[in-house]
Protein backbone atom coordinates (compact mmCIF):
# COMPACT_ATOMS: atom_id res chain seq x y z
CA MET A 1 44.57 -13.89 -43.32
CA THR A 2 46.10 -14.12 -39.65
CA ARG A 3 45.44 -10.17 -39.76
CA ALA A 4 42.26 -10.31 -41.04
CA ARG A 5 41.29 -13.13 -38.23
CA ASP A 6 42.78 -11.58 -36.08
CA ASN A 7 40.58 -8.31 -36.54
CA PHE A 8 37.27 -10.34 -36.44
CA ASN A 9 38.09 -11.55 -33.67
CA GLY A 10 38.45 -8.35 -31.70
CA ALA A 11 35.48 -6.64 -33.39
CA PHE A 12 33.07 -10.44 -32.23
CA PHE A 13 34.70 -10.08 -28.62
CA LYS A 14 34.02 -6.12 -28.81
CA TRP A 15 30.04 -6.83 -29.75
CA ARG A 16 29.31 -9.14 -27.19
CA PHE A 17 30.88 -7.51 -24.51
CA LEU A 18 28.42 -5.00 -25.56
CA ILE A 19 25.22 -7.61 -25.89
CA ALA A 20 26.30 -8.94 -22.18
CA LEU A 21 26.29 -4.88 -21.19
CA LEU A 22 22.83 -4.16 -22.81
CA LEU A 23 21.38 -7.15 -21.77
CA SER A 24 22.03 -6.49 -18.40
CA ALA A 25 20.90 -3.18 -18.10
CA VAL A 26 17.63 -4.25 -19.64
CA ILE A 27 17.88 -6.60 -17.04
CA LEU A 28 18.50 -3.94 -14.41
CA PHE A 29 15.90 -1.45 -15.65
CA LEU A 30 13.21 -4.57 -15.95
CA ASN A 31 13.60 -5.65 -11.93
CA SER A 32 13.87 -1.99 -10.85
CA CYS A 33 10.40 -1.34 -12.91
CA SER A 34 8.02 -3.47 -11.01
CA LYS A 35 5.49 -2.69 -8.43
CA LYS A 36 6.95 -2.20 -5.57
CA ASP A 37 5.73 -1.25 -1.95
CA ILE A 38 6.80 -0.65 1.09
CA ASN A 39 8.01 -4.27 2.14
CA GLY A 40 9.10 -5.20 -0.94
CA ILE A 41 6.23 -7.54 -1.99
CA THR A 42 6.15 -7.49 -5.30
CA GLY A 43 3.15 -7.67 -8.31
CA ASN A 44 0.07 -9.98 -8.11
CA THR A 45 1.61 -11.01 -4.48
CA LEU A 46 0.68 -7.44 -3.04
CA GLU A 47 -2.95 -8.36 -4.77
CA ASP A 48 -2.25 -11.86 -2.63
CA TYR A 49 -0.92 -10.19 0.55
CA PHE A 50 -4.07 -7.42 0.64
CA GLU A 51 -6.64 -9.96 -0.08
CA SER A 52 -5.98 -12.35 2.19
CA ASN A 53 -4.14 -10.29 5.52
CA ILE A 54 -6.30 -6.84 5.16
CA LEU A 55 -9.29 -7.53 3.02
CA ASN A 56 -12.93 -9.32 5.24
CA ARG A 57 -10.63 -9.09 8.70
CA ASP A 58 -11.70 -7.49 11.96
CA PHE A 59 -9.15 -3.73 12.41
CA VAL A 60 -9.01 -1.60 15.13
CA VAL A 61 -8.07 1.71 15.89
CA ASP A 62 -4.29 1.36 18.22
CA LEU A 63 -3.27 4.85 17.71
CA ALA A 64 -5.38 7.74 16.22
CA ILE A 65 -2.97 11.51 16.66
CA ASP A 66 -4.22 14.33 15.52
CA THR A 67 -1.66 17.10 15.44
CA ALA A 68 -0.37 16.20 18.81
CA ASN A 69 -3.36 15.52 19.90
CA ASP A 70 -4.19 11.89 20.59
CA ILE A 71 -7.66 10.98 20.11
CA THR A 72 -7.50 7.40 19.95
CA ALA A 73 -10.08 7.31 22.96
CA GLN A 74 -12.47 8.24 20.66
CA TYR A 75 -12.38 4.76 18.38
CA ASN A 76 -12.64 2.79 21.69
CA GLY A 77 -15.69 -0.29 20.56
CA TYR A 78 -14.74 0.49 16.96
CA VAL A 79 -14.22 -2.30 14.81
CA PHE A 80 -13.20 -1.82 10.65
CA ARG A 81 -13.78 -3.92 8.21
CA LEU A 82 -13.02 -3.94 4.36
CA PHE A 83 -14.90 -6.04 2.26
CA LYS A 84 -13.94 -7.07 -1.79
CA ASN A 85 -15.25 -5.15 -4.72
CA THR A 86 -12.01 -5.38 -6.33
CA LEU A 87 -8.64 -5.04 -5.18
CA TYR A 88 -8.64 -2.42 -5.41
CA ASP A 89 -12.17 -1.05 -3.89
CA GLY A 90 -15.04 -2.05 -1.90
CA PRO A 91 -17.45 -0.78 1.09
CA MET A 92 -16.47 -0.83 4.16
CA THR A 93 -18.34 -0.97 7.65
CA GLY A 94 -17.08 0.73 11.29
CA ILE A 95 -18.67 -1.00 14.03
CA ARG A 96 -19.72 -0.12 17.44
CA GLY A 97 -22.04 -0.70 20.12
CA GLY A 98 -24.78 -2.19 17.27
CA ASN A 99 -24.45 0.80 15.61
CA THR A 100 -23.86 0.08 12.03
CA TYR A 101 -21.47 3.20 9.38
CA THR A 102 -20.79 2.17 6.44
CA GLY A 103 -18.97 3.95 4.09
CA THR A 104 -16.44 2.81 0.77
CA TRP A 105 -12.61 2.12 0.99
CA SER A 106 -10.39 2.57 -2.09
CA SER A 107 -6.24 2.15 -2.95
CA ASN A 108 -4.10 2.21 -5.75
CA SER A 109 -2.15 -0.31 -8.02
CA ASP A 110 0.71 -0.50 -5.57
CA TYR A 111 -1.01 -0.18 -2.74
CA SER A 112 0.71 2.46 -0.81
CA LYS A 113 -2.19 4.69 -0.67
CA LEU A 114 -5.05 3.31 1.59
CA THR A 115 -8.84 6.15 0.60
CA ILE A 116 -11.29 5.31 3.59
CA ASN A 117 -15.06 7.62 3.10
CA ILE A 118 -17.60 6.41 5.76
CA ASN A 119 -20.58 8.31 4.96
CA GLN A 120 -23.81 6.73 6.15
CA ALA A 121 -25.55 9.46 7.53
CA PRO A 122 -25.48 10.37 10.41
CA VAL A 123 -21.31 10.45 10.13
CA PRO A 124 -20.31 10.62 13.64
CA ALA A 125 -17.36 13.38 14.36
CA GLU A 126 -14.77 10.94 15.05
CA PHE A 127 -15.37 9.51 11.68
CA THR A 128 -13.64 13.16 10.15
CA PHE A 129 -10.34 13.00 11.41
CA ILE A 130 -10.61 8.78 8.92
CA ASN A 131 -11.91 10.05 6.29
CA ARG A 132 -9.43 10.84 3.96
CA SER A 133 -6.58 9.60 1.97
CA TRP A 134 -3.54 7.76 3.86
CA ARG A 135 -0.26 6.92 3.20
CA PHE A 136 0.70 3.28 4.52
CA ILE A 137 4.06 4.02 6.63
CA SER A 138 3.72 0.21 7.36
CA LYS A 139 1.75 -3.26 6.74
CA ASP A 140 3.86 -5.17 8.99
CA LEU A 141 0.49 -7.07 10.85
CA PRO A 142 -0.96 -7.09 12.57
CA VAL A 143 -0.84 -2.97 12.48
CA MET A 144 -1.25 -0.94 9.91
CA LYS A 145 0.77 2.31 10.12
CA LEU A 146 -0.60 5.83 7.63
CA SER A 147 0.27 8.92 7.33
CA PRO A 148 -1.84 11.79 5.40
CA TRP A 149 -1.41 10.72 1.39
CA GLY A 150 0.28 14.59 0.20
CA SER A 151 0.40 15.63 3.06
CA THR A 152 2.99 16.57 6.14
CA ASP A 153 -0.04 17.24 8.74
CA PRO A 154 1.10 15.70 11.83
CA LYS A 155 -1.65 13.14 11.82
CA ILE A 156 -0.99 9.55 12.36
CA LEU A 157 -3.47 6.62 12.87
CA HIS A 158 -2.36 2.73 13.68
CA MET A 159 -5.35 0.30 13.31
CA ARG A 160 -4.55 -3.17 14.04
CA ARG A 161 -5.78 -6.74 13.29
CA LEU A 162 -7.77 -8.89 15.37
């Protein structure tokens, strides 16, 4: 009888250990699957962060590098603003000297990508550089640091929140 009980206790403890190990693996897997941006913000917090810190805020270009050419001066006087349609897209404006240029913006669900398209005719030549899909390098405001999405093209865009 003691031998049967010892076998039962040994099997019981082995199963308990295995269950604890599997439960730990599931928790680690679920934690690694949560949405994270490059600054470690997760889930709905990403939406909250984007809505409260980027949408309906004025931005200016602090730095624009197009293949080693500093073109920042082309954006002097422009103020850009992204408006909310949904948390992932909406209209946008670029304003300079009383002229307002309109377009759209969109983002993916983890806010790692920002697509800008200022398309009101006539589109100023300097918007050719800005009108593209950008990858967030950093959202440490007040400066958003961007580089081209899906490309190693040496372009850099830094936009500072006013």
